[in-house]
Amino acid sequence: MKIVQSDIFVFSDDVQYSKQQLINRANFKSSLGNKIHLVLPVSKTNDNRIIDKSISRNDLRVFQKGINKLKVSYRDCDYYLEMEPLIEFVEGSVQEIEKLSD
């Protein structure tokens, strides 16, 4: 977790959004070693800046699918119970945010 290890974290929300970057997704490994993609879907608009991108409410099932895979893959790990509140917080917070930069 690079952010936690950093002295200063700068989030550049006024830069160009690119689908090829990992701005709206994260990758994890499952207990079997397969990749789990956790994707926060963004609306398909002509806005090119991160600050202008909105969360796609119609596609949140993609995010929920990733959360469910994450829970299933890690539920037997030693520190899962310590991380579960954070996972639940992230899962619940997605319903409240409007923009990708929130």
PDB file of N, CA and C in Angstrom:
ATOM      1  N   MET A   1       0.838  -1.169   0.000  1.00  0.00           N
ATOM      2  CA  MET A   1       0.000   0.000   0.000  1.00  0.00           C
ATOM      3  C   MET A   1       0.888   1.238   0.000  1.00  0.00           C
ATOM      4  N   LYS A   2       1.119   1.748  -1.172  1.00  0.00           N
ATOM      5  CA  LYS A   2       2.028   2.871  -1.333  1.00  0.00           C
ATOM      6  C   LYS A   2       1.545   4.122  -0.603  1.00  0.00           C
ATOM      7  N   ILE A   3       0.240   4.342  -0.554  1.00  0.00           N
ATOM      8  CA  ILE A   3      -0.277   5.545   0.107  1.00  0.00           C
ATOM      9  C   ILE A   3       0.076   5.528   1.584  1.00  0.00           C
ATOM     10  N   VAL A   4      -0.103   4.396   2.237  1.00  0.00           N
ATOM     11  CA  VAL A   4       0.176   4.277   3.667  1.00  0.00           C
ATOM     12  C   VAL A   4       1.656   4.505   3.953  1.00  0.00           C
ATOM     13  N   GLN A   5       2.513   4.074   3.056  1.00  0.00           N
ATOM     14  CA  GLN A   5       3.955   4.198   3.250  1.00  0.00           C
ATOM     15  C   GLN A   5       4.496   5.576   2.872  1.00  0.00           C
ATOM     16  N   SER A   6       3.655   6.414   2.287  1.00  0.00           N
ATOM     17  CA  SER A   6       4.101   7.724   1.814  1.00  0.00           C
ATOM     18  C   SER A   6       4.034   8.770   2.917  1.00  0.00           C
ATOM     19  N   ASP A   7       4.931   9.750   2.836  1.00  0.00           N
ATOM     20  CA  ASP A   7       4.864  10.908   3.714  1.00  0.00           C
ATOM     21  C   ASP A   7       3.799  11.881   3.217  1.00  0.00           C
ATOM     22  N   ILE A   8       3.704  12.020   1.896  1.00  0.00           N
ATOM     23  CA  ILE A   8       2.728  12.917   1.279  1.00  0.00           C
ATOM     24  C   ILE A   8       2.058  12.171   0.125  1.00  0.00           C
ATOM     25  N   PHE A   9       0.736  12.303   0.031  1.00  0.00           N
ATOM     26  CA  PHE A   9      -0.011  11.717  -1.080  1.00  0.00           C
ATOM     27  C   PHE A   9      -0.708  12.844  -1.822  1.00  0.00           C
ATOM     28  N   VAL A  10      -0.486  12.935  -3.112  1.00  0.00           N
ATOM     29  CA  VAL A  10      -1.107  13.965  -3.940  1.00  0.00           C
ATOM     30  C   VAL A  10      -2.024  13.268  -4.929  1.00  0.00           C
ATOM     31  N   PHE A  11      -3.299  13.631  -4.895  1.00  0.00           N
ATOM     32  CA  PHE A  11      -4.269  13.084  -5.837  1.00  0.00           C
ATOM     33  C   PHE A  11      -4.527  14.133  -6.904  1.00  0.00           C
ATOM     34  N   SER A  12      -4.102  13.869  -8.116  1.00  0.00           N
ATOM     35  CA  SER A  12      -4.246  14.823  -9.224  1.00  0.00           C
ATOM     36  C   SER A  12      -5.574  14.570  -9.913  1.00  0.00           C
ATOM     37  N   ASP A  13      -6.595  15.287  -9.494  1.00  0.00           N
ATOM     38  CA  ASP A  13      -7.921  15.072 -10.068  1.00  0.00           C
ATOM     39  C   ASP A  13      -8.182  15.919 -11.307  1.00  0.00           C
ATOM     40  N   ASP A  14      -7.276  16.834 -11.621  1.00  0.00           N
ATOM     41  CA  ASP A  14      -7.460  17.710 -12.765  1.00  0.00           C
ATOM     42  C   ASP A  14      -6.580  17.266 -13.938  1.00  0.00           C
ATOM     43  N   VAL A  15      -6.313  15.979 -14.025  1.00  0.00           N
ATOM     44  CA  VAL A  15      -5.515  15.424 -15.117  1.00  0.00           C
ATOM     45  C   VAL A  15      -6.406  14.561 -16.013  1.00  0.00           C
ATOM     46  N   GLN A  16      -5.875  14.199 -17.148  1.00  0.00           N
ATOM     47  CA  GLN A  16      -6.655  13.434 -18.113  1.00  0.00           C
ATOM     48  C   GLN A  16      -6.920  12.013 -17.617  1.00  0.00           C
ATOM     49  N   TYR A  17      -8.148  11.554 -17.812  1.00  0.00           N
ATOM     50  CA  TYR A  17      -8.540  10.182 -17.480  1.00  0.00           C
ATOM     51  C   TYR A  17      -8.183   9.279 -18.652  1.00  0.00           C
ATOM     52  N   SER A  18      -7.628   8.118 -18.356  1.00  0.00           N
ATOM     53  CA  SER A  18      -7.292   7.142 -19.379  1.00  0.00           C
ATOM     54  C   SER A  18      -7.810   5.771 -18.947  1.00  0.00           C
ATOM     55  N   LYS A  19      -8.520   5.098 -19.837  1.00  0.00           N
ATOM     56  CA  LYS A  19      -9.070   3.776 -19.504  1.00  0.00           C
ATOM     57  C   LYS A  19      -7.981   2.744 -19.253  1.00  0.00           C
ATOM     58  N   GLN A  20      -6.790   2.953 -19.802  1.00  0.00           N
ATOM     59  CA  GLN A  20      -5.722   1.975 -19.658  1.00  0.00           C
ATOM     60  C   GLN A  20      -5.043   2.040 -18.286  1.00  0.00           C
ATOM     61  N   GLN A  21      -5.222   3.115 -17.569  1.00  0.00           N
ATOM     62  CA  GLN A  21      -4.600   3.243 -16.260  1.00  0.00           C
ATOM     63  C   GLN A  21      -5.450   2.562 -15.196  1.00  0.00           C
ATOM     64  N   LEU A  22      -4.901   2.434 -14.009  1.00  0.00           N
ATOM     65  CA  LEU A  22      -5.608   1.756 -12.911  1.00  0.00           C
ATOM     66  C   LEU A  22      -6.323   2.737 -11.992  1.00  0.00           C
ATOM     67  N   ILE A  23      -6.854   3.803 -12.542  1.00  0.00           N
ATOM     68  CA  ILE A  23      -7.494   4.838 -11.735  1.00  0.00           C
ATOM     69  C   ILE A  23      -8.755   4.315 -11.065  1.00  0.00           C
ATOM     70  N   ASN A  24      -9.530   3.517 -11.750  1.00  0.00           N
ATOM     71  CA  ASN A  24     -10.797   3.052 -11.212  1.00  0.00           C
ATOM     72  C   ASN A  24     -10.828   1.540 -10.971  1.00  0.00           C
ATOM     73  N   ARG A  25      -9.661   0.927 -10.837  1.00  0.00           N
ATOM     74  CA  ARG A  25      -9.649  -0.517 -10.593  1.00  0.00           C
ATOM     75  C   ARG A  25      -8.428  -0.927  -9.778  1.00  0.00           C
ATOM     76  N   ALA A  26      -8.577  -2.073  -9.158  1.00  0.00           N
ATOM     77  CA  ALA A  26      -7.480  -2.659  -8.385  1.00  0.00           C
ATOM     78  C   ALA A  26      -7.477  -4.157  -8.658  1.00  0.00           C
ATOM     79  N   ASN A  27      -6.321  -4.759  -8.580  1.00  0.00           N
ATOM     80  CA  ASN A  27      -6.199  -6.201  -8.799  1.00  0.00           C
ATOM     81  C   ASN A  27      -5.725  -6.885  -7.527  1.00  0.00           C
ATOM     82  N   PHE A  28      -6.300  -8.040  -7.252  1.00  0.00           N
ATOM     83  CA  PHE A  28      -5.936  -8.863  -6.107  1.00  0.00           C
ATOM     84  C   PHE A  28      -5.738 -10.280  -6.603  1.00  0.00           C
ATOM     85  N   LYS A  29      -5.072 -11.098  -5.816  1.00  0.00           N
ATOM     86  CA  LYS A  29      -4.952 -12.519  -6.132  1.00  0.00           C
ATOM     87  C   LYS A  29      -5.902 -13.291  -5.235  1.00  0.00           C
ATOM     88  N   SER A  30      -6.585 -14.255  -5.835  1.00  0.00           N
ATOM     89  CA  SER A  30      -7.471 -15.110  -5.057  1.00  0.00           C
ATOM     90  C   SER A  30      -6.641 -16.150  -4.314  1.00  0.00           C
ATOM     91  N   SER A  31      -7.292 -16.931  -3.478  1.00  0.00           N
ATOM     92  CA  SER A  31      -6.592 -17.984  -2.739  1.00  0.00           C
ATOM     93  C   SER A  31      -6.019 -19.040  -3.681  1.00  0.00           C
ATOM     94  N   LEU A  32      -6.553 -19.116  -4.907  1.00  0.00           N
ATOM     95  CA  LEU A  32      -6.053 -20.062  -5.907  1.00  0.00           C
ATOM     96  C   LEU A  32      -5.011 -19.435  -6.826  1.00  0.00           C
ATOM     97  N   GLY A  33      -4.712 -18.147  -6.599  1.00  0.00           N
ATOM     98  CA  GLY A  33      -3.719 -17.464  -7.413  1.00  0.00           C
ATOM     99  C   GLY A  33      -4.284 -16.767  -8.637  1.00  0.00           C
ATOM    100  N   ASN A  34      -5.604 -16.815  -8.821  1.00  0.00           N
ATOM    101  CA  ASN A  34      -6.232 -16.134  -9.955  1.00  0.00           C
ATOM    102  C   ASN A  34      -6.381 -14.648  -9.651  1.00  0.00           C
ATOM    103  N   LYS A  35      -6.393 -13.827 -10.704  1.00  0.00           N
ATOM    104  CA  LYS A  35      -6.577 -12.394 -10.525  1.00  0.00           C
ATOM    105  C   LYS A  35      -8.047 -12.071 -10.243  1.00  0.00           C
ATOM    106  N   ILE A  36      -8.263 -11.186  -9.281  1.00  0.00           N
ATOM    107  CA  ILE A  36      -9.584 -10.641  -8.999  1.00  0.00           C
ATOM    108  C   ILE A  36      -9.518  -9.173  -9.383  1.00  0.00           C
ATOM    109  N   HIS A  37     -10.414  -8.753 -10.245  1.00  0.00           N
ATOM    110  CA  HIS A  37     -10.455  -7.359 -10.664  1.00  0.00           C
ATOM    111  C   HIS A  37     -11.568  -6.651  -9.891  1.00  0.00           C
ATOM    112  N   LEU A  38     -11.205  -5.642  -9.145  1.00  0.00           N
ATOM    113  CA  LEU A  38     -12.177  -4.825  -8.434  1.00  0.00           C
ATOM    114  C   LEU A  38     -12.297  -3.525  -9.218  1.00  0.00           C
ATOM    115  N   VAL A  39     -13.414  -3.368  -9.927  1.00  0.00           N
ATOM    116  CA  VAL A  39     -13.598  -2.248 -10.846  1.00  0.00           C
ATOM    117  C   VAL A  39     -14.704  -1.339 -10.330  1.00  0.00           C
ATOM    118  N   LEU A  40     -14.415  -0.062 -10.265  1.00  0.00           N
ATOM    119  CA  LEU A  40     -15.416   0.945  -9.954  1.00  0.00           C
ATOM    120  C   LEU A  40     -15.853   1.523 -11.292  1.00  0.00           C
ATOM    121  N   PRO A  41     -17.041   1.154 -11.778  1.00  0.00           N
ATOM    122  CA  PRO A  41     -17.441   1.550 -13.128  1.00  0.00           C
ATOM    123  C   PRO A  41     -17.700   3.057 -13.228  1.00  0.00           C
ATOM    124  N   VAL A  42     -17.216   3.646 -14.307  1.00  0.00           N
ATOM    125  CA  VAL A  42     -17.439   5.067 -14.554  1.00  0.00           C
ATOM    126  C   VAL A  42     -18.360   5.230 -15.751  1.00  0.00           C
ATOM    127  N   SER A  43     -19.114   6.315 -15.749  1.00  0.00           N
ATOM    128  CA  SER A  43     -20.030   6.601 -16.849  1.00  0.00           C
ATOM    129  C   SER A  43     -19.258   6.897 -18.119  1.00  0.00           C
ATOM    130  N   LYS A  44     -19.806   6.459 -19.205  1.00  0.00           N
ATOM    131  CA  LYS A  44     -19.175   6.712 -20.506  1.00  0.00           C
ATOM    132  C   LYS A  44     -19.603   8.094 -20.978  1.00  0.00           C
ATOM    133  N   THR A  45     -18.720   9.054 -20.780  1.00  0.00           N
ATOM    134  CA  THR A  45     -18.975  10.424 -21.208  1.00  0.00           C
ATOM    135  C   THR A  45     -17.762  10.936 -21.968  1.00  0.00           C
ATOM    136  N   ASN A  46     -17.891  12.112 -22.517  1.00  0.00           N
ATOM    137  CA  ASN A  46     -16.778  12.720 -23.246  1.00  0.00           C
ATOM    138  C   ASN A  46     -15.843  13.488 -22.325  1.00  0.00           C
ATOM    139  N   ASP A  47     -16.137  13.495 -21.042  1.00  0.00           N
ATOM    140  CA  ASP A  47     -15.275  14.190 -20.094  1.00  0.00           C
ATOM    141  C   ASP A  47     -13.934  13.473 -20.023  1.00  0.00           C
ATOM    142  N   ASN A  48     -12.862  14.229 -20.135  1.00  0.00           N
ATOM    143  CA  ASN A  48     -11.534  13.619 -20.150  1.00  0.00           C
ATOM    144  C   ASN A  48     -10.768  13.796 -18.858  1.00  0.00           C
ATOM    145  N   ARG A  49     -11.288  14.578 -17.923  1.00  0.00           N
ATOM    146  CA  ARG A  49     -10.573  14.786 -16.669  1.00  0.00           C
ATOM    147  C   ARG A  49     -11.149  13.887 -15.580  1.00  0.00           C
ATOM    148  N   ILE A  50     -10.293  13.437 -14.702  1.00  0.00           N
ATOM    149  CA  ILE A  50     -10.726  12.568 -13.605  1.00  0.00           C
ATOM    150  C   ILE A  50     -11.814  13.230 -12.772  1.00  0.00           C
ATOM    151  N   ILE A  51     -11.656  14.510 -12.521  1.00  0.00           N
ATOM    152  CA  ILE A  51     -12.600  15.230 -11.669  1.00  0.00           C
ATOM    153  C   ILE A  51     -14.022  15.242 -12.249  1.00  0.00           C
ATOM    154  N   ASP A  52     -14.144  15.066 -13.569  1.00  0.00           N
ATOM    155  CA  ASP A  52     -15.447  15.109 -14.230  1.00  0.00           C
ATOM    156  C   ASP A  52     -16.109  13.740 -14.385  1.00  0.00           C
ATOM    157  N   LYS A  53     -15.387  12.664 -14.119  1.00  0.00           N
ATOM    158  CA  LYS A  53     -15.940  11.320 -14.314  1.00  0.00           C
ATOM    159  C   LYS A  53     -16.897  10.955 -13.190  1.00  0.00           C
ATOM    160  N   SER A  54     -18.067  10.448 -13.558  1.00  0.00           N
ATOM    161  CA  SER A  54     -19.085  10.033 -12.592  1.00  0.00           C
ATOM    162  C   SER A  54     -19.111   8.518 -12.447  1.00  0.00           C
ATOM    163  N   ILE A  55     -19.533   8.066 -11.268  1.00  0.00           N
ATOM    164  CA  ILE A  55     -19.708   6.631 -11.036  1.00  0.00           C
ATOM    165  C   ILE A  55     -20.951   6.175 -11.796  1.00  0.00           C
ATOM    166  N   SER A  56     -20.857   5.076 -12.494  1.00  0.00           N
ATOM    167  CA  SER A  56     -21.992   4.537 -13.244  1.00  0.00           C
ATOM    168  C   SER A  56     -22.862   3.702 -12.312  1.00  0.00           C
ATOM    169  N   ARG A  57     -23.988   4.239 -11.932  1.00  0.00           N
ATOM    170  CA  ARG A  57     -24.924   3.532 -11.035  1.00  0.00           C
ATOM    171  C   ARG A  57     -25.480   2.266 -11.682  1.00  0.00           C
ATOM    172  N   ASN A  58     -25.598   2.274 -13.000  1.00  0.00           N
ATOM    173  CA  ASN A  58     -26.165   1.113 -13.703  1.00  0.00           C
ATOM    174  C   ASN A  58     -25.245  -0.094 -13.705  1.00  0.00           C
ATOM    175  N   ASP A  59     -23.955   0.138 -13.502  1.00  0.00           N
ATOM    176  CA  ASP A  59     -22.979  -0.949 -13.588  1.00  0.00           C
ATOM    177  C   ASP A  59     -22.345  -1.302 -12.251  1.00  0.00           C
ATOM    178  N   LEU A  60     -22.944  -0.912 -11.140  1.00  0.00           N
ATOM    179  CA  LEU A  60     -22.357  -1.202  -9.837  1.00  0.00           C
ATOM    180  C   LEU A  60     -22.311  -2.694  -9.528  1.00  0.00           C
ATOM    181  N   ARG A  61     -23.063  -3.486 -10.255  1.00  0.00           N
ATOM    182  CA  ARG A  61     -23.016  -4.939 -10.041  1.00  0.00           C
ATOM    183  C   ARG A  61     -21.625  -5.496 -10.350  1.00  0.00           C
ATOM    184  N   VAL A  62     -20.891  -4.840 -11.250  1.00  0.00           N
ATOM    185  CA  VAL A  62     -19.513  -5.242 -11.566  1.00  0.00           C
ATOM    186  C   VAL A  62     -18.637  -5.058 -10.330  1.00  0.00           C
ATOM    187  N   PHE A  63     -18.801  -3.930  -9.648  1.00  0.00           N
ATOM    188  CA  PHE A  63     -18.053  -3.663  -8.422  1.00  0.00           C
ATOM    189  C   PHE A  63     -18.445  -4.671  -7.336  1.00  0.00           C
ATOM    190  N   GLN A  64     -19.747  -4.910  -7.185  1.00  0.00           N
ATOM    191  CA  GLN A  64     -20.231  -5.838  -6.162  1.00  0.00           C
ATOM    192  C   GLN A  64     -19.715  -7.254  -6.415  1.00  0.00           C
ATOM    193  N   LYS A  65     -19.637  -7.642  -7.671  1.00  0.00           N
ATOM    194  CA  LYS A  65     -19.108  -8.965  -8.029  1.00  0.00           C
ATOM    195  C   LYS A  65     -17.650  -9.085  -7.568  1.00  0.00           C
ATOM    196  N   GLY A  66     -16.863  -8.035  -7.776  1.00  0.00           N
ATOM    197  CA  GLY A  66     -15.469  -8.038  -7.337  1.00  0.00           C
ATOM    198  C   GLY A  66     -15.345  -8.100  -5.826  1.00  0.00           C
ATOM    199  N   ILE A  67     -16.187  -7.345  -5.116  1.00  0.00           N
ATOM    200  CA  ILE A  67     -16.195  -7.367  -3.643  1.00  0.00           C
ATOM    201  C   ILE A  67     -16.529  -8.769  -3.149  1.00  0.00           C
ATOM    202  N   ASN A  68     -17.528  -9.392  -3.752  1.00  0.00           N
ATOM    203  CA  ASN A  68     -17.917 -10.745  -3.337  1.00  0.00           C
ATOM    204  C   ASN A  68     -16.792 -11.749  -3.557  1.00  0.00           C
ATOM    205  N   LYS A  69     -16.097 -11.657  -4.683  1.00  0.00           N
ATOM    206  CA  LYS A  69     -14.958 -12.549  -4.949  1.00  0.00           C
ATOM    207  C   LYS A  69     -13.847 -12.311  -3.937  1.00  0.00           C
ATOM    208  N   LEU A  70     -13.620 -11.052  -3.595  1.00  0.00           N
ATOM    209  CA  LEU A  70     -12.597 -10.698  -2.613  1.00  0.00           C
ATOM    210  C   LEU A  70     -12.928 -11.310  -1.254  1.00  0.00           C
ATOM    211  N   LYS A  71     -14.175 -11.191  -0.830  1.00  0.00           N
ATOM    212  CA  LYS A  71     -14.606 -11.753   0.461  1.00  0.00           C
ATOM    213  C   LYS A  71     -14.442 -13.267   0.498  1.00  0.00           C
ATOM    214  N   VAL A  72     -14.888 -13.931  -0.566  1.00  0.00           N
ATOM    215  CA  VAL A  72     -14.814 -15.391  -0.618  1.00  0.00           C
ATOM    216  C   VAL A  72     -13.359 -15.859  -0.616  1.00  0.00           C
ATOM    217  N   SER A  73     -12.516 -15.182  -1.367  1.00  0.00           N
ATOM    218  CA  SER A  73     -11.116 -15.593  -1.479  1.00  0.00           C
ATOM    219  C   SER A  73     -10.322 -15.388  -0.197  1.00  0.00           C
ATOM    220  N   TYR A  74     -10.665 -14.366   0.564  1.00  0.00           N
ATOM    221  CA  TYR A  74      -9.853 -14.015   1.729  1.00  0.00           C
ATOM    222  C   TYR A  74     -10.499 -14.353   3.072  1.00  0.00           C
ATOM    223  N   ARG A  75     -11.708 -14.869   3.083  1.00  0.00           N
ATOM    224  CA  ARG A  75     -12.409 -15.092   4.354  1.00  0.00           C
ATOM    225  C   ARG A  75     -11.708 -16.078   5.286  1.00  0.00           C
ATOM    226  N   ASP A  76     -10.874 -16.960   4.759  1.00  0.00           N
ATOM    227  CA  ASP A  76     -10.157 -17.924   5.586  1.00  0.00           C
ATOM    228  C   ASP A  76      -8.738 -17.471   5.954  1.00  0.00           C
ATOM    229  N   CYS A  77      -8.353 -16.278   5.524  1.00  0.00           N
ATOM    230  CA  CYS A  77      -7.015 -15.767   5.834  1.00  0.00           C
ATOM    231  C   CYS A  77      -6.941 -15.301   7.289  1.00  0.00           C
ATOM    232  N   ASP A  78      -5.739 -15.311   7.819  1.00  0.00           N
ATOM    233  CA  ASP A  78      -5.522 -14.975   9.223  1.00  0.00           C
ATOM    234  C   ASP A  78      -6.059 -13.604   9.619  1.00  0.00           C
ATOM    235  N   TYR A  79      -5.893 -12.603   8.772  1.00  0.00           N
ATOM    236  CA  TYR A  79      -6.250 -11.235   9.144  1.00  0.00           C
ATOM    237  C   TYR A  79      -7.550 -10.752   8.526  1.00  0.00           C
ATOM    238  N   TYR A  80      -8.347 -11.661   7.975  1.00  0.00           N
ATOM    239  CA  TYR A  80      -9.581 -11.246   7.318  1.00  0.00           C
ATOM    240  C   TYR A  80     -10.533 -10.532   8.280  1.00  0.00           C
ATOM    241  N   LEU A  81     -10.686 -11.049   9.478  1.00  0.00           N
ATOM    242  CA  LEU A  81     -11.620 -10.429  10.414  1.00  0.00           C
ATOM    243  C   LEU A  81     -11.211  -9.000  10.769  1.00  0.00           C
ATOM    244  N   GLU A  82      -9.921  -8.727  10.748  1.00  0.00           N
ATOM    245  CA  GLU A  82      -9.456  -7.360  10.998  1.00  0.00           C
ATOM    246  C   GLU A  82      -9.745  -6.459   9.799  1.00  0.00           C
ATOM    247  N   MET A  83      -9.711  -7.000   8.602  1.00  0.00           N
ATOM    248  CA  MET A  83      -9.924  -6.217   7.387  1.00  0.00           C
ATOM    249  C   MET A  83     -11.390  -6.134   6.972  1.00  0.00           C
ATOM    250  N   GLU A  84     -12.210  -7.028   7.492  1.00  0.00           N
ATOM    251  CA  GLU A  84     -13.612  -7.067   7.083  1.00  0.00           C
ATOM    252  C   GLU A  84     -14.331  -5.730   7.273  1.00  0.00           C
ATOM    253  N   PRO A  85     -14.132  -5.011   8.394  1.00  0.00           N
ATOM    254  CA  PRO A  85     -14.806  -3.710   8.526  1.00  0.00           C
ATOM    255  C   PRO A  85     -14.401  -2.721   7.431  1.00  0.00           C
ATOM    256  N   LEU A  86     -13.155  -2.757   7.013  1.00  0.00           N
ATOM    257  CA  LEU A  86     -12.703  -1.872   5.943  1.00  0.00           C
ATOM    258  C   LEU A  86     -13.373  -2.244   4.621  1.00  0.00           C
ATOM    259  N   ILE A  87     -13.455  -3.533   4.337  1.00  0.00           N
ATOM    260  CA  ILE A  87     -14.116  -3.993   3.110  1.00  0.00           C
ATOM    261  C   ILE A  87     -15.583  -3.579   3.119  1.00  0.00           C
ATOM    262  N   GLU A  88     -16.235  -3.751   4.265  1.00  0.00           N
ATOM    263  CA  GLU A  88     -17.649  -3.368   4.394  1.00  0.00           C
ATOM    264  C   GLU A  88     -17.820  -1.856   4.228  1.00  0.00           C
ATOM    265  N   PHE A  89     -16.875  -1.084   4.765  1.00  0.00           N
ATOM    266  CA  PHE A  89     -16.932   0.374   4.642  1.00  0.00           C
ATOM    267  C   PHE A  89     -16.824   0.788   3.175  1.00  0.00           C
ATOM    268  N   VAL A  90     -15.862   0.212   2.466  1.00  0.00           N
ATOM    269  CA  VAL A  90     -15.685   0.527   1.045  1.00  0.00           C
ATOM    270  C   VAL A  90     -16.930   0.125   0.267  1.00  0.00           C
ATOM    271  N   GLU A  91     -17.444  -1.035   0.556  1.00  0.00           N
ATOM    272  CA  GLU A  91     -18.639  -1.532  -0.131  1.00  0.00           C
ATOM    273  C   GLU A  91     -19.826  -0.587   0.073  1.00  0.00           C
ATOM    274  N   GLY A  92     -20.013  -0.112   1.281  1.00  0.00           N
ATOM    275  CA  GLY A  92     -21.121   0.794   1.578  1.00  0.00           C
ATOM    276  C   GLY A  92     -20.892   2.202   1.049  1.00  0.00           C
ATOM    277  N   SER A  93     -19.660   2.647   1.046  1.00  0.00           N
ATOM    278  CA  SER A  93     -19.343   4.011   0.614  1.00  0.00           C
ATOM    279  C   SER A  93     -19.576   4.230  -0.870  1.00  0.00           C
ATOM    280  N   VAL A  94     -19.447   3.196  -1.661  1.00  0.00           N
ATOM    281  CA  VAL A  94     -19.626   3.330  -3.111  1.00  0.00           C
ATOM    282  C   VAL A  94     -21.022   3.842  -3.432  1.00  0.00           C
ATOM    283  N   GLN A  95     -21.995   3.486  -2.634  1.00  0.00           N
ATOM    284  CA  GLN A  95     -23.368   3.938  -2.869  1.00  0.00           C
ATOM    285  C   GLN A  95     -23.514   5.444  -2.675  1.00  0.00           C
ATOM    286  N   GLU A  96     -22.613   6.034  -1.903  1.00  0.00           N
ATOM    287  CA  GLU A  96     -22.735   7.442  -1.549  1.00  0.00           C
ATOM    288  C   GLU A  96     -21.935   8.395  -2.436  1.00  0.00           C
ATOM    289  N   ILE A  97     -20.918   7.910  -3.127  1.00  0.00           N
ATOM    290  CA  ILE A  97     -20.082   8.821  -3.899  1.00  0.00           C
ATOM    291  C   ILE A  97     -20.677   9.071  -5.282  1.00  0.00           C
ATOM    292  N   GLU A  98     -20.406  10.236  -5.799  1.00  0.00           N
ATOM    293  CA  GLU A  98     -20.927  10.633  -7.102  1.00  0.00           C
ATOM    294  C   GLU A  98     -19.851  10.584  -8.194  1.00  0.00           C
ATOM    295  N   LYS A  99     -18.709  11.166  -7.862  1.00  0.00           N
ATOM    296  CA  LYS A  99     -17.635  11.311  -8.851  1.00  0.00           C
ATOM    297  C   LYS A  99     -16.485  10.371  -8.522  1.00  0.00           C
ATOM    298  N   LEU A 100     -15.707  10.026  -9.514  1.00  0.00           N
ATOM    299  CA  LEU A 100     -14.540   9.174  -9.331  1.00  0.00           C
ATOM    300  C   LEU A 100     -13.534   9.835  -8.395  1.00  0.00           C
ATOM    301  N   SER A 101     -13.484  11.147  -8.399  1.00  0.00           N
ATOM    302  CA  SER A 101     -12.526  11.878  -7.552  1.00  0.00           C
ATOM    303  C   SER A 101     -12.996  12.012  -6.105  1.00  0.00           C
ATOM    304  N   ASP A 102     -14.226  11.619  -5.791  1.00  0.00           N
ATOM    305  CA  ASP A 102     -14.732  11.699  -4.407  1.00  0.00           C
ATOM    306  C   ASP A 102     -14.028  10.658  -3.596  1.00  0.00           C
TER     307      ASP A 102
END
